[in-house]
Amino acid sequence: MNQDSIKEKLLTIEDAPLEFSLVFSGKKSKKVNGLYKPDSREIIIHNRNFAQSKSGDNLLLYTAIHEYAHHLHACSRGGTLSPRAHTSEFWAIFHDLLEKAEAKKVYRDVFIESPELSKLTDVIRIKYLRNNGELVKEMGRHLLKAHELCTGIGVRFEDYVDRMLRIPRTTANTAIRMYEYDLNPDVGADNMKFLAGIRDGSDRKAAETALIKGKSPDSVKIAVRKKTDTEDPVQLLQKEKLRLERTIETLSKRLEDVKRELGENKWK
């Protein structure tokens, strides 16, 4: 493949709003396989990093798609990029391009071409990601029971979490939501934590389904963020009002506890 055919393949995957150039450096680099210059809108591929074979061509294309994602990211920002190039928005664009390229048979997934790597991936997903998700979800069930027992004997659940379990309260509350929302442990504990933060049930289910179907976490997070950004302003204000009311309620309870403790101790 030459530089013109690579550019043509990129445009086949997705057209670019702004013109760009793609060149082979003719060099070998130990640091990077390629780079993107936003000022000149130029993709540079160090083509001597890749063997002249079908496998090498596929890896070269993988690099080209990565750099093209930087260009499309810059296009979405009016032609400029921030100093931190590899943001969640970038990864979402990159992963979306790879999916489109695979669907159009332009590119082959490099991660499934190795049978050994594919087998190891299954082990990691089943033995660790799923099992870890199941453990955290089960912990949420026990924490919910502990909350009920604390209420029954008239003590604060937060104090139990602080003094007896010695874990952050956010960790405990998130695990409880994982259980209450009945999240699918196949997505892993970290993604379950993200899902537990989505209050709207339909949005949460849509995000969970996307993760199970193979969407990357960044792609799903950006999709959720875009949906939130397009919500009705009145609905956004109502949600903010609810959050503020909950915060005020929590702080008010804490203020009463502090007043009570000050009154009891008298700080002799």
Protein backbone atom coordinates (compact mmCIF):
# COMPACT_ATOMS: atom_id res chain seq x y z
CA MET A 1 0.00 0.00 0.00
CA ASN A 2 1.18 3.51 -0.77
CA GLN A 3 0.28 6.78 0.92
CA ASP A 4 -2.44 7.62 -1.64
CA SER A 5 -4.20 4.26 -1.20
CA ILE A 6 -4.07 4.64 2.59
CA LYS A 7 -5.69 8.07 2.41
CA GLU A 8 -8.33 6.70 0.08
CA LYS A 9 -9.12 3.92 2.57
CA LEU A 10 -9.44 6.43 5.40
CA LEU A 11 -11.92 8.51 3.41
CA THR A 12 -13.85 5.33 2.64
CA ILE A 13 -14.23 4.70 6.38
CA GLU A 14 -15.45 8.26 7.06
CA ASP A 15 -15.19 11.50 5.14
CA ALA A 16 -13.33 14.42 6.73
CA PRO A 17 -14.84 17.94 6.97
CA LEU A 18 -11.38 19.49 6.49
CA GLU A 19 -8.74 18.53 3.92
CA PHE A 20 -5.63 16.74 5.15
CA SER A 21 -2.48 15.19 3.74
CA LEU A 22 -0.95 11.79 4.45
CA VAL A 23 2.71 11.08 3.78
CA PHE A 24 5.15 8.24 4.38
CA SER A 25 8.30 9.46 6.09
CA GLY A 26 10.40 6.70 4.56
CA LYS A 27 12.01 6.34 7.97
CA LYS A 28 11.99 3.97 10.91
CA SER A 29 11.19 5.33 14.36
CA LYS A 30 11.74 3.65 17.72
CA LYS A 31 9.38 6.09 19.46
CA VAL A 32 6.18 6.21 17.40
CA ASN A 33 4.64 4.61 14.31
CA GLY A 34 3.00 7.83 13.22
CA LEU A 35 1.96 11.33 14.22
CA TYR A 36 -0.52 14.07 13.37
CA LYS A 37 0.32 17.77 12.97
CA PRO A 38 -2.86 19.80 13.57
CA ASP A 39 -1.36 23.09 12.36
CA SER A 40 -0.67 21.70 8.87
CA ARG A 41 -3.34 18.97 9.07
CA GLU A 42 -0.72 16.39 8.12
CA ILE A 43 -0.60 12.67 8.99
CA ILE A 44 2.91 11.24 8.94
CA ILE A 45 3.42 7.47 8.90
CA HIS A 46 6.83 5.96 9.60
CA ASN A 47 6.26 3.23 7.02
CA ARG A 48 9.60 1.50 7.58
CA ASN A 49 8.28 0.43 11.00
CA PHE A 50 6.06 -2.11 9.24
CA ALA A 51 6.94 -5.29 7.39
CA GLN A 52 5.90 -5.56 3.74
CA SER A 53 3.19 -8.17 4.22
CA LYS A 54 -0.57 -8.40 4.70
CA SER A 55 -0.08 -8.36 8.45
CA GLY A 56 2.27 -5.39 8.19
CA ASP A 57 -0.17 -3.52 5.93
CA ASN A 58 -2.96 -4.10 8.46
CA LEU A 59 -0.83 -2.73 11.31
CA LEU A 60 0.13 0.25 9.17
CA LEU A 61 -3.55 0.91 8.52
CA TYR A 62 -4.24 0.64 12.26
CA THR A 63 -1.72 3.44 12.84
CA ALA A 64 -3.20 5.50 10.00
CA ILE A 65 -6.69 5.19 11.50
CA HIS A 66 -5.32 6.29 14.88
CA GLU A 67 -3.78 9.43 13.37
CA TYR A 68 -6.89 10.04 11.26
CA ALA A 69 -8.91 10.00 14.48
CA HIS A 70 -6.75 12.92 15.69
CA HIS A 71 -7.62 14.79 12.48
CA LEU A 72 -11.36 14.17 12.86
CA HIS A 73 -11.10 15.18 16.51
CA ALA A 74 -9.44 18.42 15.43
CA CYS A 75 -12.18 18.94 12.82
CA SER A 76 -14.82 18.67 15.54
CA ARG A 77 -12.99 21.40 17.47
CA GLY A 78 -12.70 23.85 14.60
CA GLY A 79 -9.33 22.57 13.39
CA THR A 80 -7.42 22.77 16.67
CA LEU A 81 -6.40 20.32 19.39
CA SER A 82 -5.66 20.82 23.07
CA PRO A 83 -2.21 19.87 24.44
CA ARG A 84 -3.78 16.69 25.83
CA ALA A 85 -4.58 14.88 22.59
CA HIS A 86 -5.66 11.48 23.90
CA THR A 87 -8.93 12.45 25.57
CA SER A 88 -12.08 10.38 25.99
CA GLU A 89 -13.48 12.16 22.92
CA PHE A 90 -10.45 11.05 20.87
CA TRP A 91 -10.69 7.40 21.96
CA ALA A 92 -14.41 7.36 21.19
CA ILE A 93 -13.71 8.65 17.65
CA PHE A 94 -10.85 6.17 17.16
CA HIS A 95 -12.84 3.15 18.32
CA ASP A 96 -15.81 4.19 16.18
CA LEU A 97 -13.52 4.39 13.13
CA LEU A 98 -12.14 0.92 13.81
CA GLU A 99 -15.66 -0.52 14.02
CA LYS A 100 -16.61 1.10 10.73
CA ALA A 101 -13.38 -0.07 9.08
CA GLU A 102 -13.99 -3.65 10.24
CA ALA A 103 -17.61 -3.56 9.02
CA LYS A 104 -16.46 -2.34 5.59
CA LYS A 105 -13.71 -4.98 5.43
CA VAL A 106 -11.10 -2.25 5.13
CA TYR A 107 -9.27 -3.36 8.26
CA ARG A 108 -8.95 -6.61 10.24
CA ASP A 109 -9.05 -6.52 14.03
CA VAL A 110 -5.43 -6.96 15.12
CA PHE A 111 -6.46 -8.34 18.51
CA ILE A 112 -8.30 -11.39 17.21
CA GLU A 113 -5.70 -12.43 14.65
CA SER A 114 -3.64 -14.07 17.40
CA PRO A 115 -5.37 -17.28 18.66
CA GLU A 116 -3.22 -17.21 21.79
CA LEU A 117 -4.20 -13.63 22.61
CA SER A 118 -7.88 -14.36 21.92
CA LYS A 119 -7.78 -17.33 24.31
CA LEU A 120 -6.13 -15.22 27.01
CA THR A 121 -8.75 -12.50 26.49
CA ASP A 122 -11.52 -15.01 27.26
CA VAL A 123 -9.73 -16.06 30.45
CA ILE A 124 -9.36 -12.46 31.63
CA ARG A 125 -12.98 -11.61 30.84
CA ILE A 126 -14.50 -14.66 32.52
CA LYS A 127 -12.13 -15.42 35.38
CA TYR A 128 -11.34 -11.88 36.46
CA LEU A 129 -13.64 -9.20 35.01
CA ARG A 130 -16.89 -11.13 35.48
CA ASN A 131 -15.87 -12.68 38.83
CA ASN A 132 -14.73 -9.30 40.16
CA GLY A 133 -18.03 -7.75 39.07
CA GLU A 134 -20.00 -10.52 40.77
CA LEU A 135 -18.02 -10.10 44.01
CA VAL A 136 -18.58 -6.33 44.18
CA LYS A 137 -22.28 -6.75 43.37
CA GLU A 138 -22.61 -9.40 46.09
CA MET A 139 -20.84 -7.08 48.52
CA GLY A 140 -23.50 -4.49 47.69
CA ARG A 141 -26.19 -6.95 48.75
CA HIS A 142 -24.49 -7.52 52.11
CA LEU A 143 -23.91 -3.79 52.59
CA LEU A 144 -27.61 -3.14 52.04
CA LYS A 145 -28.40 -5.69 54.75
CA ALA A 146 -25.84 -4.01 57.03
CA HIS A 147 -27.60 -0.69 56.40
CA GLU A 148 -30.91 -2.22 57.52
CA LEU A 149 -29.29 -3.69 60.67
CA CYS A 150 -27.66 -0.37 61.55
CA THR A 151 -31.00 1.39 61.19
CA GLY A 152 -32.58 -1.26 63.39
CA ILE A 153 -30.21 -0.69 66.28
CA GLY A 154 -30.22 3.10 65.86
CA VAL A 155 -26.68 3.73 64.61
CA ARG A 156 -25.43 5.48 61.49
CA PHE A 157 -24.53 3.20 58.58
CA GLU A 158 -21.84 5.74 57.55
CA ASP A 159 -20.10 5.27 60.90
CA TYR A 160 -20.20 1.50 60.42
CA VAL A 161 -18.60 1.87 56.99
CA ASP A 162 -15.95 4.24 58.37
CA ARG A 163 -15.04 2.42 61.59
CA MET A 164 -15.80 -1.25 60.98
CA LEU A 165 -15.23 -1.76 57.26
CA ARG A 166 -12.76 1.10 56.82
CA ILE A 167 -13.67 1.71 53.18
CA PRO A 168 -14.72 4.97 51.46
CA ARG A 169 -18.43 5.69 51.76
CA THR A 170 -18.65 6.25 48.00
CA THR A 171 -17.34 2.70 47.48
CA ALA A 172 -20.03 1.28 49.75
CA ASN A 173 -22.83 3.34 48.20
CA THR A 174 -21.72 2.46 44.66
CA ALA A 175 -21.65 -1.26 45.48
CA ILE A 176 -25.19 -1.01 46.87
CA ARG A 177 -26.41 0.68 43.67
CA MET A 178 -24.71 -2.05 41.61
CA TYR A 179 -26.84 -4.59 43.47
CA GLU A 180 -30.05 -2.55 43.47
CA TYR A 181 -29.76 -1.81 39.73
CA ASP A 182 -28.99 -5.51 39.09
CA LEU A 183 -26.06 -4.66 36.81
CA ASN A 184 -24.55 -7.33 34.57
CA PRO A 185 -21.18 -8.40 36.05
CA ASP A 186 -19.94 -9.37 32.57
CA VAL A 187 -18.97 -5.73 32.01
CA GLY A 188 -16.56 -5.81 34.98
CA ALA A 189 -16.52 -3.88 38.25
CA ASP A 190 -15.08 -0.65 36.81
CA ASN A 191 -17.79 -0.39 34.15
CA MET A 192 -20.40 -1.32 36.76
CA LYS A 193 -19.19 1.64 38.81
CA PHE A 194 -19.71 3.92 35.80
CA LEU A 195 -23.18 2.45 35.15
CA ALA A 196 -24.16 2.86 38.80
CA GLY A 197 -23.63 6.59 38.37
CA ILE A 198 -26.31 6.84 35.64
CA ARG A 199 -29.54 7.73 37.40
CA ASP A 200 -31.92 7.34 34.46
CA GLY A 201 -32.88 3.68 34.16
CA SER A 202 -33.32 3.61 30.37
CA ASP A 203 -30.02 5.43 29.81
CA ARG A 204 -28.27 3.04 32.19
CA LYS A 205 -29.69 -0.02 30.41
CA ALA A 206 -28.71 1.36 27.01
CA ALA A 207 -25.16 2.00 28.21
CA GLU A 208 -24.91 -1.49 29.72
CA THR A 209 -26.16 -3.08 26.48
CA ALA A 210 -23.62 -1.11 24.46
CA LEU A 211 -20.78 -2.31 26.68
CA ILE A 212 -21.90 -5.93 26.44
CA LYS A 213 -22.07 -5.64 22.64
CA GLY A 214 -18.44 -4.53 22.51
CA LYS A 215 -18.50 -0.75 22.61
CA SER A 216 -15.51 0.73 24.41
CA PRO A 217 -16.08 2.50 27.77
CA ASP A 218 -15.00 5.85 26.27
CA SER A 219 -17.46 5.49 23.40
CA VAL A 220 -20.31 4.73 25.81
CA LYS A 221 -19.38 7.56 28.18
CA ILE A 222 -19.28 10.08 25.35
CA ALA A 223 -22.66 8.86 24.06
CA VAL A 224 -24.18 9.29 27.55
CA ARG A 225 -22.59 12.73 27.87
CA LYS A 226 -23.95 13.86 24.49
CA LYS A 227 -27.44 12.71 25.42
CA THR A 228 -27.23 14.66 28.67
CA ASP A 229 -26.02 17.76 26.83
CA THR A 230 -29.06 17.66 24.52
CA GLU A 231 -31.58 17.28 27.34
CA ASP A 232 -34.24 19.92 27.89
CA PRO A 233 -32.82 22.81 30.00
CA VAL A 234 -35.78 22.57 32.38
CA GLN A 235 -35.09 18.86 32.98
CA LEU A 236 -31.41 19.62 33.63
CA LEU A 237 -32.37 22.29 36.18
CA GLN A 238 -34.80 19.90 37.86
CA LYS A 239 -32.06 17.27 38.15
CA GLU A 240 -29.65 19.86 39.56
CA LYS A 241 -32.33 20.96 42.03
CA LEU A 242 -32.76 17.35 43.18
CA ARG A 243 -28.99 16.91 43.60
CA LEU A 244 -28.74 20.13 45.60
CA GLU A 245 -31.66 19.15 47.82
CA ARG A 246 -30.01 15.80 48.58
CA THR A 247 -26.72 17.52 49.34
CA ILE A 248 -28.42 20.02 51.65
CA GLU A 249 -30.24 17.19 53.43
CA THR A 250 -26.98 15.27 53.95
CA LEU A 251 -25.14 18.37 55.18
CA SER A 252 -28.03 19.31 57.48
CA LYS A 253 -27.93 15.87 59.10
CA ARG A 254 -24.19 16.15 59.55
CA LEU A 255 -24.56 19.62 61.06
CA GLU A 256 -27.02 18.27 63.62
CA ASP A 257 -24.61 15.44 64.48
CA VAL A 258 -21.77 17.93 65.00
CA LYS A 259 -23.97 20.13 67.21
CA ARG A 260 -24.98 17.10 69.25
CA GLU A 261 -21.40 15.95 69.68
CA LEU A 262 -20.31 19.44 70.71
CA GLY A 263 -23.10 19.56 73.27
CA GLU A 264 -22.25 16.15 74.71
CA ASN A 265 -18.52 16.75 75.05
CA LYS A 266 -18.57 20.40 76.28
CA TRP A 267 -14.81 20.16 75.54
CA LYS A 268 -13.75 20.13 79.15
